[in-house]
């Protein structure tokens, strides 16, 4: 089958959507399909890729590729390519990776058009939370994590305490984590914290760390990717995912779980589905509740084992082969 795979962002850009798109495109190709990825991310070719890749295709090139394919697979809805696909009446599968609204909950004209098009495509939602917000029927398939990279590394000492991994933007709530750590410090608990990632909030978060007097506890590691990231995560007991906004899902939680971390994440949205029984949640934006959750785990280390024992069963449902097989089954029905 010829699959035109659209992902607005892609390697070398770093993020959950990029990672998921790369995993799925590879698995679709390994299953014997001819896969061509299109993206708006700039970059060079990808060594060893099992799919073709076109960056920033023009309108005529897009139309040529749409005519070529048997199925248009859109990993997160974008009108730029969805409207041409519908004009050509191509069988289309749309994966909903986020909410069809802005960060403040407003629904603009673009999202209204997207909602209007959903009844004429096959829809997949990455979480039940996303599915509940769509005005069309959908199948829920969680996002995969790269199990060839994120795994337990035998013999690695778990001597560090808390890690955050993600973009340094306000929505990700690193400031909530820092304020929670200050509350713990006031109670005599001083866990070490490592912030992995980069973004526009880097300087302000470093300033906040100094203002709160957390310099000796908190370190900023910058960007770490691939095998080096997995090795790093294996050293930590806990991963904090303190997002202010309701996360649609949370591949970062799966990556942490796969590396042996117990997850402490915000409860709204689909993040709880990614965490499962492998961690605890707290109300979004509440440093007080985050501090209480961390304190309980820090003072009762025996609780960690129960969460880690749930990891293997939980992760099985999100392994690339399992997720790809679920998609290919739906793709087969869509094309027929």
Protein backbone atom coordinates (compact mmCIF):
# COMPACT_ATOMS: atom_id res chain seq x y z
CA UNK A 1 0.00 0.00 0.00
CA UNK A 2 1.15 3.55 -0.75
CA UNK A 3 0.84 5.74 2.35
CA UNK A 4 1.37 9.49 2.29
CA UNK A 5 2.26 10.30 5.89
CA UNK A 6 1.83 13.93 6.95
CA UNK A 7 3.43 15.27 10.13
CA UNK A 8 3.62 19.06 10.38
CA UNK A 9 6.76 18.74 12.53
CA UNK A 10 9.35 15.99 12.15
CA UNK A 11 12.98 15.15 12.81
CA UNK A 12 15.27 17.06 13.52
CA UNK A 13 12.64 18.97 15.52
CA UNK A 14 12.32 17.47 19.03
CA UNK A 15 9.02 16.68 20.71
CA UNK A 16 6.38 14.04 21.32
CA UNK A 17 4.68 14.39 17.93
CA UNK A 18 7.99 14.20 16.10
CA UNK A 19 9.01 11.04 17.98
CA UNK A 20 5.65 9.36 17.39
CA UNK A 21 5.65 10.20 13.67
CA UNK A 22 9.12 8.78 13.19
CA UNK A 23 8.20 5.53 14.98
CA UNK A 24 4.95 5.05 13.03
CA UNK A 25 6.43 5.89 9.62
CA UNK A 26 9.19 3.35 10.23
CA UNK A 27 6.81 0.63 11.40
CA UNK A 28 4.42 1.18 8.48
CA UNK A 29 7.36 0.78 6.08
CA UNK A 30 8.66 -2.31 7.86
CA UNK A 31 5.21 -3.86 7.41
CA UNK A 32 5.76 -3.75 3.63
CA UNK A 33 4.07 -0.46 2.78
CA UNK A 34 5.55 2.25 0.60
CA UNK A 35 5.66 5.30 2.88
CA UNK A 36 6.34 8.90 1.90
CA UNK A 37 6.55 11.46 4.72
CA UNK A 38 5.80 15.14 4.19
CA UNK A 39 6.56 17.81 6.81
CA UNK A 40 7.05 21.52 7.30
CA UNK A 41 10.18 20.97 9.42
CA UNK A 42 13.39 21.98 7.71
CA UNK A 43 16.42 19.69 7.78
CA UNK A 44 18.37 17.19 5.77
CA UNK A 45 17.71 13.58 4.81
CA UNK A 46 17.60 10.96 7.56
CA UNK A 47 20.24 8.28 7.35
CA UNK A 48 18.86 4.76 7.19
CA UNK A 49 15.22 5.87 6.90
CA UNK A 50 12.92 3.23 5.45
CA UNK A 51 10.58 5.85 4.01
CA UNK A 52 10.91 8.72 1.58
CA UNK A 53 10.85 12.24 2.99
CA UNK A 54 9.84 15.56 1.43
CA UNK A 55 10.22 18.77 3.42
CA UNK A 56 7.91 21.72 2.78
CA UNK A 57 6.29 20.46 -0.43
CA UNK A 58 4.72 23.07 -2.67
CA UNK A 59 1.07 22.85 -3.67
CA UNK A 60 1.72 21.10 -6.98
CA UNK A 61 4.06 18.58 -5.34
CA UNK A 62 1.50 17.94 -2.60
CA UNK A 63 -1.21 17.27 -5.17
CA UNK A 64 1.09 14.90 -7.06
CA UNK A 65 1.82 12.93 -3.88
CA UNK A 66 -1.87 12.82 -2.93
CA UNK A 67 -2.72 11.38 -6.35
CA UNK A 68 0.09 8.83 -5.88
CA UNK A 69 -1.02 7.47 -2.53
CA UNK A 70 -3.66 4.90 -1.64
CA UNK A 71 -4.21 6.49 1.77
CA UNK A 72 -3.46 9.88 3.30
CA UNK A 73 -2.35 9.52 6.93
CA UNK A 74 -2.37 12.82 8.79
CA UNK A 75 -0.68 12.69 12.20
CA UNK A 76 -2.42 15.70 13.73
CA UNK A 77 -4.98 17.58 11.69
CA UNK A 78 -3.79 20.40 9.41
CA UNK A 79 -5.95 22.15 6.83
CA UNK A 80 -2.90 22.80 4.62
CA UNK A 81 -3.02 19.22 3.36
CA UNK A 82 -6.39 17.94 4.60
CA UNK A 83 -8.45 20.17 2.30
CA UNK A 84 -6.53 19.08 -0.86
CA UNK A 85 -6.90 15.44 0.22
CA UNK A 86 -10.65 15.83 0.54
CA UNK A 87 -10.88 17.65 -2.81
CA UNK A 88 -9.25 14.58 -4.39
CA UNK A 89 -11.49 12.26 -2.32
CA UNK A 90 -8.51 10.32 -1.03
CA UNK A 91 -9.16 7.84 1.78
CA UNK A 92 -7.93 9.78 4.81
CA UNK A 93 -7.08 8.84 8.37
CA UNK A 94 -6.61 11.72 10.81
CA UNK A 95 -4.87 11.19 14.15
CA UNK A 96 -5.95 13.76 16.74
CA UNK A 97 -2.88 14.57 18.80
CA UNK A 98 -4.31 17.60 20.59
CA UNK A 99 -7.44 19.59 21.35
CA UNK A 100 -9.30 21.40 18.57
CA UNK A 101 -9.14 24.66 20.53
CA UNK A 102 -6.51 27.10 21.73
CA UNK A 103 -4.82 27.13 25.14
CA UNK A 104 -7.63 29.26 26.57
CA UNK A 105 -10.33 26.86 25.34
CA UNK A 106 -11.51 29.09 22.50
CA UNK A 107 -12.57 27.51 19.20
CA UNK A 108 -11.47 29.66 16.25
CA UNK A 109 -12.59 29.49 12.63
CA UNK A 110 -9.82 27.07 11.63
CA UNK A 111 -10.83 24.56 14.28
CA UNK A 112 -14.47 24.93 13.28
CA UNK A 113 -13.52 23.95 9.72
CA UNK A 114 -11.52 21.01 11.05
CA UNK A 115 -14.48 19.83 13.12
CA UNK A 116 -16.76 20.13 10.07
CA UNK A 117 -14.45 17.84 8.06
CA UNK A 118 -14.21 15.07 10.65
CA UNK A 119 -17.36 13.15 9.63
CA UNK A 120 -15.87 12.50 6.15
CA UNK A 121 -12.54 11.05 7.36
CA UNK A 122 -11.48 8.16 9.62
CA UNK A 123 -10.61 9.55 13.04
CA UNK A 124 -8.22 8.23 15.67
CA UNK A 125 -7.79 9.93 19.06
CA UNK A 126 -4.65 9.40 21.13
CA UNK A 127 -6.63 9.33 24.39
CA UNK A 128 -10.16 9.00 25.66
CA UNK A 129 -9.88 12.61 26.80
CA UNK A 130 -9.32 13.73 23.19
CA UNK A 131 -12.04 11.42 21.82
CA UNK A 132 -14.60 12.94 24.19
CA UNK A 133 -14.01 16.39 22.63
CA UNK A 134 -14.52 15.37 18.99
CA UNK A 135 -17.82 15.83 17.18
CA UNK A 136 -17.35 12.61 15.20
CA UNK A 137 -16.82 8.96 16.06
CA UNK A 138 -13.23 7.89 16.61
CA UNK A 139 -11.05 4.98 17.67
CA UNK A 140 -8.72 5.51 20.62
CA UNK A 141 -5.13 4.41 20.05
CA UNK A 142 -2.51 5.68 22.48
CA UNK A 143 0.82 6.96 21.21
CA UNK A 144 3.81 4.62 21.06
CA UNK A 145 7.19 5.17 22.67
CA UNK A 146 10.48 4.04 21.15
CA UNK A 147 11.18 0.81 23.04
CA UNK A 148 14.48 0.35 21.22
CA UNK A 149 15.83 3.39 23.07
CA UNK A 150 13.84 3.82 26.26
CA UNK A 151 14.37 0.77 28.45
CA UNK A 152 15.86 -0.39 31.72
CA UNK A 153 19.66 -0.55 31.68
CA UNK A 154 20.78 -3.28 34.09
CA UNK A 155 23.30 -2.22 36.70
CA UNK A 156 22.54 1.50 36.47
CA UNK A 157 22.42 3.01 39.98
CA UNK A 158 19.18 4.90 40.66
CA UNK A 159 20.96 7.42 42.86
CA UNK A 160 19.22 10.61 41.70
CA UNK A 161 15.77 11.76 42.73
CA UNK A 162 13.60 13.91 40.42
CA UNK A 163 13.87 14.65 36.70
CA UNK A 164 11.80 16.88 34.41
CA UNK A 165 11.97 16.31 30.66
CA UNK A 166 10.33 18.64 28.15
CA UNK A 167 10.26 22.02 26.46
CA UNK A 168 10.90 24.94 28.77
CA UNK A 169 7.65 26.79 28.11
CA UNK A 170 5.06 28.04 30.57
CA UNK A 171 2.50 25.33 29.72
CA UNK A 172 4.86 22.60 30.94
CA UNK A 173 4.78 23.92 34.52
CA UNK A 174 8.44 23.78 35.50
CA UNK A 175 7.79 26.77 37.75
CA UNK A 176 5.11 24.71 39.54
CA UNK A 177 7.73 22.04 40.20
CA UNK A 178 10.27 24.57 41.47
CA UNK A 179 7.77 26.14 43.86
CA UNK A 180 6.81 22.68 45.13
CA UNK A 181 10.48 21.90 45.77
CA UNK A 182 10.74 25.13 47.77
CA UNK A 183 7.79 24.04 49.91
CA UNK A 184 9.58 20.75 50.58
CA UNK A 185 12.77 22.62 51.42
CA UNK A 186 10.84 24.61 54.01
CA UNK A 187 9.93 21.28 55.62
CA UNK A 188 13.51 20.06 55.64
CA UNK A 189 13.31 17.85 52.53
CA UNK A 190 15.90 18.65 49.87
CA UNK A 191 15.64 16.24 46.91
CA UNK A 192 17.87 16.88 43.92
CA UNK A 193 16.11 17.95 40.71
CA UNK A 194 17.39 17.93 37.13
CA UNK A 195 15.67 19.92 34.36
CA UNK A 196 16.27 18.41 30.91
CA UNK A 197 15.20 20.49 27.93
CA UNK A 198 15.43 23.89 26.33
CA UNK A 199 13.06 26.69 25.44
CA UNK A 200 12.14 30.36 25.85
CA UNK A 201 11.58 30.03 29.61
CA UNK A 202 15.13 28.80 30.29
CA UNK A 203 16.48 32.11 31.64
CA UNK A 204 13.40 32.93 33.74
CA UNK A 205 13.39 29.44 35.26
CA UNK A 206 17.05 29.74 36.17
CA UNK A 207 16.30 33.13 37.74
CA UNK A 208 13.39 31.62 39.68
CA UNK A 209 15.66 28.83 40.90
CA UNK A 210 18.09 31.40 42.33
CA UNK A 211 15.29 33.53 43.78
CA UNK A 212 13.86 30.51 45.60
CA UNK A 213 17.27 29.53 46.92
CA UNK A 214 17.29 26.18 45.12
CA UNK A 215 20.69 26.52 43.43
CA UNK A 216 22.20 23.60 45.34
CA UNK A 217 19.30 21.28 44.56
CA UNK A 218 18.30 22.12 40.98
CA UNK A 219 20.47 21.73 37.89
CA UNK A 220 19.72 22.49 34.23
CA UNK A 221 21.05 19.88 31.81
CA UNK A 222 19.89 21.38 28.50
CA UNK A 223 18.90 19.12 25.60
CA UNK A 224 19.66 15.41 25.83
CA UNK A 225 18.33 12.96 23.24
CA UNK A 226 18.47 9.35 22.13
CA UNK A 227 20.42 6.70 23.99
CA UNK A 228 22.13 9.30 26.17
CA UNK A 229 18.72 10.46 27.40
CA UNK A 230 17.58 6.93 28.20
CA UNK A 231 20.79 6.29 30.11
CA UNK A 232 20.26 9.52 32.04
CA UNK A 233 16.65 8.71 32.97
CA UNK A 234 17.71 5.33 34.37
CA UNK A 235 19.47 7.17 37.22
CA UNK A 236 16.28 8.82 38.57
CA UNK A 237 13.60 7.58 40.98
CA UNK A 238 10.88 10.01 39.89
CA UNK A 239 9.87 11.94 36.78
CA UNK A 240 7.75 15.05 37.28
CA UNK A 241 5.30 16.02 34.51
CA UNK A 242 3.75 19.14 36.10
CA UNK A 243 1.96 20.57 33.05
CA UNK A 244 -0.29 23.57 33.64
CA UNK A 245 -2.44 22.78 30.62
CA UNK A 246 -4.32 19.47 30.15
CA UNK A 247 -1.92 17.25 28.23
CA UNK A 248 -3.62 15.35 25.38
CA UNK A 249 -1.56 12.25 26.26
CA UNK A 250 2.10 12.20 27.34
CA UNK A 251 4.74 10.12 25.55
CA UNK A 252 7.32 11.56 27.95
CA UNK A 253 5.60 9.64 30.76
CA UNK A 254 5.94 6.38 28.82
CA UNK A 255 9.62 7.09 28.23
CA UNK A 256 10.14 7.71 31.93
CA UNK A 257 8.23 4.57 32.95
CA UNK A 258 10.26 2.48 30.48
CA UNK A 259 13.44 3.75 32.14
CA UNK A 260 12.20 2.87 35.63
CA UNK A 261 10.92 6.24 36.82
CA UNK A 262 7.79 6.61 38.92
CA UNK A 263 5.69 9.39 37.36
CA UNK A 264 4.14 12.31 39.22
CA UNK A 265 1.97 14.18 36.72
CA UNK A 266 -0.90 16.64 36.46
CA UNK A 267 -4.30 15.00 36.32
CA UNK A 268 -6.33 16.86 33.66
CA UNK A 269 -6.51 15.65 30.07
CA UNK A 270 -5.02 12.39 28.80
CA UNK A 271 -1.83 12.30 30.88
CA UNK A 272 -3.46 10.00 33.44
CA UNK A 273 -3.96 7.46 30.62
CA UNK A 274 -0.26 7.56 29.81
CA UNK A 275 0.70 7.18 33.47
CA UNK A 276 -1.73 4.37 34.29
CA UNK A 277 -0.80 2.61 37.54
CA UNK A 278 2.83 3.65 37.23
CA UNK A 279 2.62 6.85 39.24
CA UNK A 280 0.45 9.47 40.91
CA UNK A 281 -1.35 12.61 39.76
CA UNK A 282 -2.18 15.99 41.28
CA UNK A 283 -4.41 18.94 40.23
CA UNK A 284 -2.89 20.99 37.42
CA UNK A 285 -1.02 24.08 38.59
CA UNK A 286 -1.08 23.23 42.31
CA UNK A 287 2.41 23.36 43.79
CA UNK A 288 0.92 22.54 47.20
CA UNK A 289 -0.57 19.25 45.98
CA UNK A 290 2.57 18.41 44.02
CA UNK A 291 4.67 19.02 47.15
CA UNK A 292 2.37 16.79 49.23
CA UNK A 293 2.58 14.00 46.63
CA UNK A 294 6.36 14.19 46.44
CA UNK A 295 6.68 14.32 50.22
CA UNK A 296 4.62 11.16 50.61
CA UNK A 297 6.82 9.28 48.14
CA UNK A 298 10.06 10.64 49.59
CA UNK A 299 9.08 9.59 53.11
CA UNK A 300 7.69 6.21 52.05
CA UNK A 301 10.15 4.75 49.48
CA UNK A 302 8.48 1.34 49.78
CA UNK A 303 5.61 2.69 47.64
CA UNK A 304 7.89 3.04 44.62
CA UNK A 305 8.14 -0.71 44.06
CA UNK A 306 4.39 -1.11 43.52
CA UNK A 307 4.42 1.49 40.75
CA UNK A 308 7.45 -0.06 39.04
CA UNK A 309 5.90 -3.52 39.16
CA UNK A 310 3.03 -2.22 37.00
CA UNK A 311 5.35 -0.92 34.28
CA UNK A 312 5.74 -3.99 32.07
CA UNK A 313 2.01 -4.63 31.74
CA UNK A 314 1.23 -0.94 31.18
CA UNK A 315 3.92 -0.42 28.55
CA UNK A 316 2.96 -3.46 26.49
CA UNK A 317 -0.05 -1.60 25.09
CA UNK A 318 2.14 1.27 23.86
CA UNK A 319 4.96 -0.63 22.18
CA UNK A 320 5.51 0.37 18.54
CA UNK A 321 4.57 -3.02 17.08
CA UNK A 322 1.29 -3.08 19.00
CA UNK A 323 0.35 0.48 18.02
CA UNK A 324 1.39 0.06 14.38
CA UNK A 325 -0.68 -3.14 14.10
CA UNK A 326 -3.74 -1.31 15.46
CA UNK A 327 -3.28 1.47 12.91
CA UNK A 328 -2.70 -0.86 9.98
CA UNK A 329 -5.91 -2.70 10.79
CA UNK A 330 -7.86 0.56 10.61
CA UNK A 331 -5.96 1.64 7.49
CA UNK A 332 -6.98 -1.59 5.77
CA UNK A 333 -10.65 -0.94 6.56
CA UNK A 334 -10.38 2.71 5.45
CA UNK A 335 -8.93 1.87 2.04
CA UNK A 336 -11.50 -0.87 1.39
